[in-house]
N, C-alpha and C. Protein backbone atom coordinates (compact mmCIF):
# COMPACT_ATOMS: atom_id res chain seq x y z
N MET A 1 74.54 84.76 95.91
CA MET A 1 75.27 85.33 95.16
C MET A 1 76.22 84.27 94.05
N LYS A 2 75.80 83.17 93.94
CA LYS A 2 75.78 82.94 92.69
C LYS A 2 76.65 83.80 91.69
N SER A 3 77.81 82.95 91.19
CA SER A 3 78.09 83.92 89.67
C SER A 3 78.80 82.90 88.44
N ALA A 4 78.18 82.82 87.29
CA ALA A 4 78.85 82.14 86.30
C ALA A 4 80.66 82.02 86.73
N GLY A 5 81.13 80.78 86.40
CA GLY A 5 82.29 80.33 86.22
C GLY A 5 83.24 80.62 87.60
N LYS A 6 82.45 80.44 88.64
CA LYS A 6 82.89 80.64 90.10
C LYS A 6 82.33 79.31 91.02
N ASP A 7 83.35 78.75 92.07
CA ASP A 7 82.65 77.82 92.68
C ASP A 7 81.39 77.70 93.24
N PRO A 8 80.08 76.85 92.87
CA PRO A 8 78.75 77.77 94.34
C PRO A 8 78.63 76.90 95.19
N ALA A 9 79.80 76.41 95.98
CA ALA A 9 80.32 75.67 97.33
C ALA A 9 80.40 77.42 97.82
N ALA A 10 81.84 77.61 97.08
CA ALA A 10 82.28 78.51 97.65
C ALA A 10 81.71 79.89 97.98
N SER A 11 81.18 80.39 96.67
CA SER A 11 80.03 81.09 97.19
C SER A 11 78.58 81.54 97.98
N GLU A 12 78.36 80.13 98.49
CA GLU A 12 77.47 79.83 99.31
C GLU A 12 77.98 80.53 100.53
N LEU A 13 79.38 79.80 100.58
CA LEU A 13 80.30 80.00 101.81
C LEU A 13 80.34 81.63 102.39
N ALA A 14 80.64 82.41 101.43
CA ALA A 14 81.26 83.52 101.25
C ALA A 14 80.00 84.31 101.14
N ALA A 15 78.78 83.79 101.25
CA ALA A 15 77.41 84.26 101.46
C ALA A 15 77.21 84.54 103.01
N GLU A 16 77.66 83.54 103.07
CA GLU A 16 76.90 82.84 104.46
C GLU A 16 78.13 83.87 105.99
N ALA A 17 79.32 83.81 104.84
CA ALA A 17 80.52 84.60 106.62
C ALA A 17 79.92 86.37 106.26
N GLU A 18 79.93 86.46 104.81
CA GLU A 18 78.75 87.82 105.09
C GLU A 18 77.88 88.24 105.67
N LYS A 19 76.71 87.49 105.91
CA LYS A 19 75.63 87.56 106.71
C LYS A 19 76.53 87.37 108.15
N GLU A 20 77.44 86.58 108.48
CA GLU A 20 77.56 86.83 109.84
C GLU A 20 78.87 88.01 110.10
N PHE A 21 78.89 88.29 109.37
CA PHE A 21 79.88 89.42 109.74
C PHE A 21 79.16 91.20 109.70
N ASP A 22 77.87 90.90 109.06
CA ASP A 22 76.75 91.96 108.96
C ASP A 22 76.36 91.56 110.56
N LYS A 23 75.49 90.94 110.53
CA LYS A 23 75.61 90.70 112.04
C LYS A 23 76.53 91.16 113.47
N ALA A 24 77.89 90.91 113.15
CA ALA A 24 78.65 91.46 114.25
C ALA A 24 78.65 92.30 113.94
N LEU A 25 78.63 92.75 113.17
CA LEU A 25 78.56 94.43 112.87
C LEU A 25 77.65 95.26 113.25
N SER A 26 76.57 94.76 113.23
CA SER A 26 75.45 95.64 113.79
C SER A 26 74.86 95.54 114.85
N LEU A 27 75.81 94.43 115.70
CA LEU A 27 75.88 94.41 117.37
C LEU A 27 77.11 95.46 117.62
N ASN A 28 77.92 95.44 117.10
CA ASN A 28 79.28 96.32 117.29
C ASN A 28 80.07 96.82 115.76
N PRO A 29 79.26 98.32 115.80
CA PRO A 29 80.55 98.45 114.28
C PRO A 29 81.59 98.54 114.67
N ARG A 30 82.03 99.07 115.64
CA ARG A 30 83.41 99.54 116.32
C ARG A 30 84.48 98.25 116.04
N ASN A 31 83.77 97.02 115.59
CA ASN A 31 84.53 95.27 115.74
C ASN A 31 85.59 95.86 114.63
N ALA A 32 86.94 96.33 115.50
CA ALA A 32 88.12 96.11 114.10
C ALA A 32 88.25 94.79 113.82
N GLU A 33 88.41 93.80 114.45
CA GLU A 33 88.61 92.64 114.22
C GLU A 33 87.34 92.13 112.69
N ALA A 34 86.56 92.33 113.07
CA ALA A 34 85.14 91.89 112.24
C ALA A 34 85.56 92.81 110.89
N VAL A 35 85.45 94.31 111.35
CA VAL A 35 85.84 94.54 110.34
C VAL A 35 87.17 94.57 109.02
N VAL A 36 87.93 94.66 109.77
CA VAL A 36 89.20 93.65 108.98
C VAL A 36 89.05 92.21 107.94
N SER A 37 88.11 91.78 108.68
CA SER A 37 88.30 90.07 108.35
C SER A 37 86.94 89.84 107.57
N TYR A 38 86.34 91.01 107.03
CA TYR A 38 84.96 91.42 106.28
C TYR A 38 86.07 91.73 105.34
N ALA A 39 86.60 92.77 105.43
CA ALA A 39 87.52 93.83 103.94
C ALA A 39 88.28 92.33 103.49
N TRP A 40 88.57 91.40 104.59
CA TRP A 40 89.67 90.56 103.55
C TRP A 40 88.91 89.50 102.61
N LEU A 41 87.81 89.01 103.28
CA LEU A 41 86.35 88.57 102.32
C LEU A 41 86.20 89.84 100.97
N GLU A 42 86.33 90.52 101.06
CA GLU A 42 85.83 90.78 100.28
C GLU A 42 86.81 91.28 99.17
N LEU A 43 88.19 91.42 99.26
CA LEU A 43 89.20 91.78 98.71
C LEU A 43 89.70 90.43 97.97
N LYS A 44 89.43 89.16 98.78
CA LYS A 44 89.64 87.80 98.15
C LYS A 44 88.38 87.05 97.16
N GLN A 45 87.48 88.33 97.44
CA GLN A 45 86.29 88.48 96.37
C GLN A 45 86.02 89.31 94.96
N GLN A 46 86.87 90.02 95.14
CA GLN A 46 87.80 90.91 93.83
C GLN A 46 86.78 92.45 94.35
N LYS A 47 86.15 92.59 95.36
CA LYS A 47 85.45 93.31 95.43
C LYS A 47 85.90 94.41 96.78
N PRO A 48 86.75 95.59 95.90
CA PRO A 48 88.19 96.35 96.25
C PRO A 48 87.69 97.23 97.21
N ARG A 49 86.26 97.89 96.28
CA ARG A 49 85.08 98.83 96.54
C ARG A 49 84.82 98.73 97.34
N ALA A 50 84.56 97.71 97.89
CA ALA A 50 83.29 97.48 98.90
C ALA A 50 83.75 97.12 100.53
N ALA A 51 85.34 96.38 100.11
CA ALA A 51 86.00 96.48 101.11
C ALA A 51 86.44 98.03 101.29
N LEU A 52 87.23 98.72 101.03
CA LEU A 52 86.93 100.15 101.24
C LEU A 52 86.19 100.95 101.62
N GLU A 53 85.02 100.68 101.32
CA GLU A 53 83.56 101.34 102.08
C GLU A 53 83.35 100.47 103.65
N LEU A 54 83.61 99.32 103.44
CA LEU A 54 83.38 98.65 105.32
C LEU A 54 85.01 99.46 106.05
N LEU A 55 86.11 99.98 105.66
CA LEU A 55 87.02 100.06 106.28
C LEU A 55 86.72 102.09 106.46
N GLN A 56 86.60 102.47 105.32
CA GLN A 56 85.89 103.84 105.47
C GLN A 56 85.25 103.99 106.81
N ARG A 57 83.66 103.26 106.58
CA ARG A 57 82.51 102.93 107.82
C ARG A 57 83.48 103.23 109.18
N ALA A 58 84.50 102.16 109.41
CA ALA A 58 84.45 101.36 110.84
C ALA A 58 85.89 102.82 110.96
N LEU A 59 86.61 103.63 109.89
CA LEU A 59 87.39 104.81 110.66
C LEU A 59 86.42 105.78 110.79
N ASN A 60 85.51 106.29 110.29
CA ASN A 60 84.32 107.31 110.16
C ASN A 60 84.15 107.66 111.27
N ALA A 61 83.92 106.45 112.04
CA ALA A 61 83.04 105.89 113.21
C ALA A 61 84.36 105.93 114.57
N GLY A 62 85.72 106.81 114.18
CA GLY A 62 86.63 106.38 114.97
C GLY A 62 87.58 105.32 115.91
N VAL A 63 87.08 103.72 115.05
CA VAL A 63 87.96 102.97 115.44
C VAL A 63 89.58 103.29 115.20
N ASP A 64 90.24 103.10 115.75
CA ASP A 64 91.59 103.32 115.58
C ASP A 64 92.40 102.55 115.98
N ASP A 65 92.97 101.88 115.05
CA ASP A 65 93.39 100.46 114.97
C ASP A 65 94.83 99.64 114.18
N PRO A 66 95.39 99.43 114.29
CA PRO A 66 96.44 99.47 113.22
C PRO A 66 96.74 98.19 112.04
N ASP A 67 95.35 97.65 112.04
CA ASP A 67 94.91 96.31 111.65
C ASP A 67 94.28 96.89 110.63
N LEU A 68 93.48 97.68 111.26
CA LEU A 68 92.63 98.67 110.12
C LEU A 68 93.05 99.15 108.94
N GLU A 69 94.32 99.76 109.44
CA GLU A 69 94.66 100.61 109.02
C GLU A 69 96.23 99.58 107.42
N LEU A 70 96.91 98.79 108.40
CA LEU A 70 97.35 97.80 107.37
C LEU A 70 96.32 97.49 106.34
N ALA A 71 94.89 96.75 106.40
CA ALA A 71 93.85 96.52 105.33
C ALA A 71 93.45 97.54 104.67
N LEU A 72 93.35 98.70 104.81
CA LEU A 72 93.31 100.17 104.43
C LEU A 72 94.23 100.12 103.14
N GLY A 73 95.35 99.73 103.72
CA GLY A 73 96.54 100.27 102.70
C GLY A 73 97.54 99.06 101.89
N THR A 74 96.32 98.02 102.11
CA THR A 74 96.51 97.35 100.93
C THR A 74 95.44 97.16 99.99
N VAL A 75 94.24 98.01 100.05
CA VAL A 75 92.79 98.05 99.72
C VAL A 75 93.47 98.95 98.64
N LYS A 76 93.95 100.30 99.49
CA LYS A 76 94.29 101.21 98.61
C LYS A 76 95.04 100.44 97.52
N ALA A 77 96.28 100.02 97.81
CA ALA A 77 96.95 99.78 97.03
C ALA A 77 96.62 98.80 95.81
N ALA A 78 95.38 97.88 96.24
CA ALA A 78 94.64 97.02 95.26
C ALA A 78 94.28 97.95 94.32
N LEU A 79 93.60 99.34 94.62
CA LEU A 79 92.62 100.00 93.84
C LEU A 79 93.91 100.67 93.04
N GLU A 80 95.09 100.96 92.98
CA GLU A 80 96.32 101.41 92.02
C GLU A 80 95.94 103.17 93.29
N ASP A 81 96.31 103.12 94.93
CA ASP A 81 96.56 103.83 94.68
C ASP A 81 97.52 104.23 95.78
N PRO A 82 98.71 104.30 95.44
CA PRO A 82 99.63 104.15 96.30
C PRO A 82 100.23 105.14 96.93
N ALA A 83 99.70 106.66 96.94
CA ALA A 83 99.79 107.64 97.85
C ALA A 83 99.26 107.61 99.00
N GLY A 84 97.82 106.99 98.76
CA GLY A 84 96.66 106.41 99.79
C GLY A 84 97.13 105.17 100.47
N ALA A 85 97.80 104.33 100.23
CA ALA A 85 97.91 103.25 100.85
C ALA A 85 99.23 103.62 101.59
N ALA A 86 100.51 104.14 100.93
CA ALA A 86 101.55 104.68 101.35
C ALA A 86 100.56 105.58 102.92
N ALA A 87 100.18 106.58 102.98
CA ALA A 87 99.35 107.20 104.22
C ALA A 87 98.71 106.29 105.21
N ALA A 88 98.37 105.39 104.80
CA ALA A 88 97.29 104.12 105.40
C ALA A 88 98.25 103.86 106.11
N PHE A 89 99.64 102.77 105.72
CA PHE A 89 100.32 102.01 106.11
C PHE A 89 101.30 102.49 107.32
N ASP A 90 101.24 104.36 107.14
CA ASP A 90 101.99 104.98 108.10
C ASP A 90 101.37 105.46 109.11
N ARG A 91 99.99 105.18 108.86
CA ARG A 91 99.29 105.10 110.04
C ARG A 91 99.15 103.83 111.32
N SER A 92 99.45 102.76 110.24
CA SER A 92 99.27 101.62 111.22
C SER A 92 100.68 101.47 111.47
N LEU A 93 101.99 102.60 111.21
CA LEU A 93 102.79 102.02 111.71
C LEU A 93 102.57 102.98 112.95
N ALA A 94 102.00 104.35 112.91
CA ALA A 94 102.21 104.74 113.82
C ALA A 94 102.00 103.96 115.50
N LEU A 95 100.32 103.34 115.14
CA LEU A 95 99.55 102.72 115.91
C LEU A 95 100.81 101.52 116.12
N ASN A 96 101.25 101.21 115.55
CA ASN A 96 101.64 99.50 116.10
C ASN A 96 103.06 100.22 115.50
N PRO A 97 104.83 100.50 115.54
CA PRO A 97 105.55 100.61 115.14
C PRO A 97 106.08 98.90 114.52
N ARG A 98 106.11 98.16 115.56
CA ARG A 98 106.61 96.61 115.60
C ARG A 98 105.62 95.29 114.93
N SER A 99 105.39 96.13 113.98
CA SER A 99 104.37 95.17 113.11
C SER A 99 105.48 95.26 111.78
N ALA A 100 105.84 93.59 111.95
CA ALA A 100 106.45 93.70 110.96
C ALA A 100 105.74 93.45 109.45
N GLN A 101 104.76 92.74 109.62
CA GLN A 101 103.80 92.71 108.47
C GLN A 101 103.20 94.43 107.94
N ALA A 102 103.09 95.32 108.57
CA ALA A 102 102.81 97.24 108.13
C ALA A 102 104.45 96.79 107.04
N HIS A 103 104.98 96.76 108.68
CA HIS A 103 106.39 97.48 107.73
C HIS A 103 106.71 96.84 105.67
N GLU A 104 105.86 94.98 105.97
CA GLU A 104 106.90 94.55 104.72
C GLU A 104 105.47 95.20 103.36
N ALA A 105 104.25 95.33 104.11
CA ALA A 105 103.32 95.85 103.01
C ALA A 105 103.75 97.28 102.78
N ALA A 106 104.78 98.30 103.42
CA ALA A 106 104.98 99.31 103.20
C ALA A 106 106.35 99.84 102.31
N GLY A 107 106.69 98.41 102.66
CA GLY A 107 107.54 98.14 102.06
C GLY A 107 108.09 97.97 100.17
N ARG A 108 107.16 96.74 99.98
CA ARG A 108 106.21 96.97 98.92
C ARG A 108 105.47 97.68 98.20
N ASN A 109 104.43 98.71 99.31
CA ASN A 109 103.81 99.90 98.37
C ASN A 109 104.78 101.02 97.97
N ALA A 110 106.28 101.38 98.88
CA ALA A 110 107.43 102.02 98.71
C ALA A 110 108.12 101.62 97.46
N TYR A 111 108.16 99.95 97.55
CA TYR A 111 109.31 99.97 95.88
C TYR A 111 108.57 99.95 94.27
N GLN A 112 107.04 99.49 94.63
CA GLN A 112 106.06 100.04 93.84
C GLN A 112 106.35 101.42 93.05
N ARG A 113 106.44 102.22 94.50
CA ARG A 113 106.19 104.08 93.93
C ARG A 113 108.05 104.09 93.58
N LYS A 114 108.39 102.50 93.42
CA LYS A 114 110.46 103.45 92.54
C LYS A 114 110.85 104.51 94.06
N ASP A 115 110.22 104.31 95.21
CA ASP A 115 111.34 104.81 96.53
C ASP A 115 111.76 103.60 96.98
N VAL A 116 113.11 103.28 96.41
CA VAL A 116 114.03 102.16 97.07
C VAL A 116 114.18 101.96 98.20
N ARG A 117 114.79 103.09 98.34
CA ARG A 117 115.44 103.55 99.80
C ARG A 117 114.31 103.59 100.93
N ALA A 118 113.11 103.35 100.91
CA ALA A 118 112.33 103.75 101.96
C ALA A 118 111.91 102.15 101.61
N ALA A 119 111.99 101.53 100.31
CA ALA A 119 111.55 100.37 100.51
C ALA A 119 112.69 99.18 101.05
N ALA A 120 114.00 99.52 101.21
CA ALA A 120 114.74 99.16 102.23
C ALA A 120 114.61 99.15 103.21
N GLU A 121 114.45 100.35 103.65
CA GLU A 121 114.65 100.77 105.09
C GLU A 121 113.58 99.66 105.61
N HIS A 122 112.14 99.75 105.46
CA HIS A 122 111.18 98.88 105.68
C HIS A 122 111.50 97.55 105.87
N TYR A 123 111.79 96.84 104.86
CA TYR A 123 112.40 95.57 104.38
C TYR A 123 113.20 95.10 106.18
N GLU A 124 114.30 96.48 106.25
CA GLU A 124 115.37 96.11 107.34
C GLU A 124 114.23 96.10 108.37
N LYS A 125 113.35 96.80 108.78
CA LYS A 125 112.88 96.65 109.88
C LYS A 125 111.78 95.28 109.74
N ALA A 126 111.31 95.13 109.12
CA ALA A 126 110.84 94.27 108.64
C ALA A 126 111.63 92.32 109.38
N LEU A 127 112.50 92.66 108.86
CA LEU A 127 113.37 91.74 108.85
C LEU A 127 114.18 91.39 110.81
N GLY A 128 113.93 93.13 111.19
CA GLY A 128 114.19 92.74 111.94
C GLY A 128 113.02 92.64 113.39
N LEU A 129 112.42 92.81 113.16
CA LEU A 129 110.76 91.89 113.96
C LEU A 129 110.35 90.66 113.42
N GLU A 130 110.73 90.44 112.45
CA GLU A 130 110.10 88.96 112.19
C GLU A 130 111.09 88.39 110.85
N PRO A 131 112.02 87.58 111.16
CA PRO A 131 113.03 87.34 110.00
C PRO A 131 112.71 85.79 109.26
N THR A 132 112.18 86.17 108.40
CA THR A 132 111.76 85.33 107.14
C THR A 132 112.70 85.21 105.87
N ALA A 133 113.11 84.24 105.39
CA ALA A 133 114.06 83.86 104.46
C ALA A 133 113.19 84.46 102.85
N ALA A 134 112.28 84.49 102.68
CA ALA A 134 111.30 85.65 101.86
C ALA A 134 112.15 87.29 102.19
N LEU A 135 111.82 87.70 103.14
CA LEU A 135 111.81 89.19 103.13
C LEU A 135 113.99 89.31 103.31
N ALA A 136 114.50 88.80 103.60
CA ALA A 136 116.00 88.42 103.52
C ALA A 136 116.26 88.51 101.42
N ARG A 137 115.85 87.88 101.14
CA ARG A 137 116.49 87.40 99.67
C ARG A 137 115.71 88.82 99.52
N THR A 138 114.08 89.29 99.77
CA THR A 138 113.81 90.78 98.56
C THR A 138 115.04 91.93 98.84
N LEU A 139 115.32 92.08 100.32
CA LEU A 139 116.30 92.93 100.60
C LEU A 139 117.62 92.95 100.12
N GLY A 140 117.46 91.50 99.83
CA GLY A 140 119.47 91.53 98.82
C GLY A 140 119.16 92.30 97.81
N SER A 141 117.71 91.66 97.02
CA SER A 141 118.30 92.33 95.40
C SER A 141 117.24 93.17 95.36
N ILE A 142 117.31 94.11 96.45
CA ILE A 142 117.03 95.39 96.62
C ILE A 142 118.51 96.17 96.60
N ARG A 143 119.09 96.10 97.62
CA ARG A 143 120.67 96.29 97.97
C ARG A 143 121.17 96.05 96.79
N LEU A 144 121.58 94.70 96.19
CA LEU A 144 122.76 94.92 95.06
C LEU A 144 121.95 95.47 93.63
N TYR A 145 120.58 94.83 93.38
CA TYR A 145 120.45 95.53 91.83
C TYR A 145 120.02 96.90 91.73
N ASP A 146 119.26 97.21 92.95
CA ASP A 146 118.23 98.79 93.30
C ASP A 146 119.52 100.27 93.88
N LEU A 147 120.20 99.68 94.95
CA LEU A 147 121.15 100.13 95.73
C LEU A 147 122.54 100.07 95.35
N ARG A 148 122.79 98.70 94.86
CA ARG A 148 124.38 99.13 94.64
C ARG A 148 125.01 98.63 95.16
N ASP A 149 124.58 97.85 96.14
CA ASP A 149 124.71 98.26 97.72
C ASP A 149 125.48 96.48 97.80
N ARG A 150 126.37 96.43 97.57
CA ARG A 150 126.95 95.05 97.39
C ARG A 150 126.85 94.38 98.82
N GLN A 151 127.45 95.13 99.76
CA GLN A 151 127.87 94.83 101.17
C GLN A 151 126.28 94.21 101.83
N GLY A 152 125.85 95.19 101.81
CA GLY A 152 124.01 95.10 102.15
C GLY A 152 123.48 93.88 101.60
N ALA A 153 123.72 93.63 100.43
CA ALA A 153 123.05 92.55 100.01
C ALA A 153 123.69 91.11 100.29
N LEU A 154 125.26 91.57 100.42
CA LEU A 154 126.02 90.16 100.67
C LEU A 154 125.23 90.13 102.53
N LYS A 155 125.05 90.89 102.85
CA LYS A 155 124.29 90.46 104.39
C LYS A 155 123.03 90.07 104.69
N ALA A 156 122.07 90.39 103.67
CA ALA A 156 120.86 90.22 103.46
C ALA A 156 120.51 88.81 102.78
N TYR A 157 121.24 88.11 101.78
CA TYR A 157 121.77 87.23 100.99
C TYR A 157 122.10 86.03 102.19
N ARG A 158 122.84 86.25 103.05
CA ARG A 158 123.38 85.35 104.27
C ARG A 158 122.82 84.92 104.92
N MET A 159 121.69 85.92 105.12
CA MET A 159 120.49 85.89 106.30
C MET A 159 119.53 84.98 105.32
N ALA A 160 119.63 85.30 104.38
CA ALA A 160 118.14 84.07 103.79
C ALA A 160 119.39 82.45 104.14
N LEU A 161 120.30 82.59 103.47
CA LEU A 161 120.54 81.21 103.70
C LEU A 161 120.49 80.37 105.03
N GLU A 162 121.02 81.56 105.94
CA GLU A 162 121.02 80.76 107.58
C GLU A 162 119.44 80.93 107.73
N LEU A 163 118.47 81.13 107.16
CA LEU A 163 116.92 81.52 107.47
C LEU A 163 116.39 80.24 106.84
N ASP A 164 117.17 79.86 106.03
CA ASP A 164 116.61 78.48 105.24
C ASP A 164 117.54 77.83 104.49
N PRO A 165 118.53 76.84 104.73
CA PRO A 165 119.92 76.68 104.69
C PRO A 165 119.15 75.72 103.41
N ALA A 166 118.10 75.14 103.66
CA ALA A 166 117.88 73.93 101.99
C ALA A 166 116.59 73.95 101.48
N GLY A 167 116.55 75.53 101.36
CA GLY A 167 115.60 76.20 100.45
C GLY A 167 115.69 75.62 99.46
N GLU A 168 115.11 76.01 98.58
CA GLU A 168 115.10 75.86 96.79
C GLU A 168 115.38 76.85 96.36
N ASP A 169 116.06 77.99 97.07
CA ASP A 169 116.80 79.11 96.57
C ASP A 169 117.88 79.30 97.23
N ALA A 170 118.30 77.48 97.98
CA ALA A 170 119.54 77.90 98.69
C ALA A 170 121.03 77.79 97.09
N PRO A 171 120.90 76.94 96.42
CA PRO A 171 122.18 76.96 95.46
C PRO A 171 122.22 78.33 95.39
N VAL A 172 121.29 79.00 94.38
CA VAL A 172 121.49 80.85 94.30
C VAL A 172 121.79 81.71 95.31
N LEU A 173 121.32 81.35 96.68
CA LEU A 173 121.77 82.17 97.41
C LEU A 173 123.56 81.97 97.19
N ARG A 174 123.65 81.20 97.64
CA ARG A 174 125.22 80.37 97.62
C ARG A 174 126.24 80.93 96.58
N GLN A 175 125.55 80.98 95.52
CA GLN A 175 126.34 81.20 94.18
C GLN A 175 126.58 83.10 94.31
N LEU A 176 125.33 83.85 94.64
CA LEU A 176 125.47 84.69 94.54
C LEU A 176 126.21 85.50 95.65
N ILE A 177 126.13 84.90 96.75
CA ILE A 177 127.15 85.20 98.39
C ILE A 177 128.44 85.07 97.40
N ALA A 178 128.76 83.82 97.06
CA ALA A 178 130.16 83.74 96.15
C ALA A 178 130.53 84.53 95.57
N GLU A 179 129.72 85.12 94.43
CA GLU A 179 130.33 86.26 93.63
C GLU A 179 130.47 87.39 94.10
N LEU A 180 129.61 87.66 94.98
CA LEU A 180 129.32 88.86 96.58
C LEU A 180 131.30 89.14 97.02
N GLN A 181 131.52 87.68 97.04
CA GLN A 181 132.80 87.73 98.40
C GLN A 181 133.99 88.77 97.78
N VAL A 182 133.66 88.11 95.99
CA VAL A 182 134.87 88.22 95.28
C VAL A 182 134.92 90.25 94.78
N PRO A 183 135.88 91.06 94.81
CA PRO A 183 135.49 92.44 95.01
C PRO A 183 135.11 93.15 93.60
N ALA A 184 134.65 93.79 93.77
CA ALA A 184 133.84 94.50 92.41
C ALA A 184 135.46 94.57 91.71
N SER A 185 134.93 95.07 90.11
CA SER A 185 136.09 95.26 89.75
C SER A 185 135.99 96.99 89.60
N PRO A 186 136.54 97.60 89.35
CA PRO A 186 136.95 99.58 89.20
C PRO A 186 135.87 99.82 88.21
């Protein structure tokens, strides 16, 4: 598995990991955790088609797992299949509607498809499940620049600042909040 330009030690570790995943899947091909981990490894090694094949094989075997669907959506997005990614994220959320990670991925995919309202909805849901400053900043930007929703942006930026008051973006967030508190000119 050694290739030019790659760290030989990392390549050897990846080859060993692949052997372990193959062994685990030969014992239980419906092991969703092993399939997802193996798919992430393949994706990290820039082999999205191999990751897709692993995930499809598990789905064809009847594995019904939200993390598997989330991984499938991520792989399809990497393969520039936004509609396929959206469908996989939707299935992941149908199986586990409280997955902040799936909502965030679905939001990112919706934004790439230029469906900013759906993106904002998914980011809102992700924020409600697992609030992070990064998510709040992203939502604030979508609300301000794409949806022209100053109040929604203000709320999101305030949340981002509250979640990370000493973060590197704090000065910018404070400035944005101050600007948004001034009424917009007609």
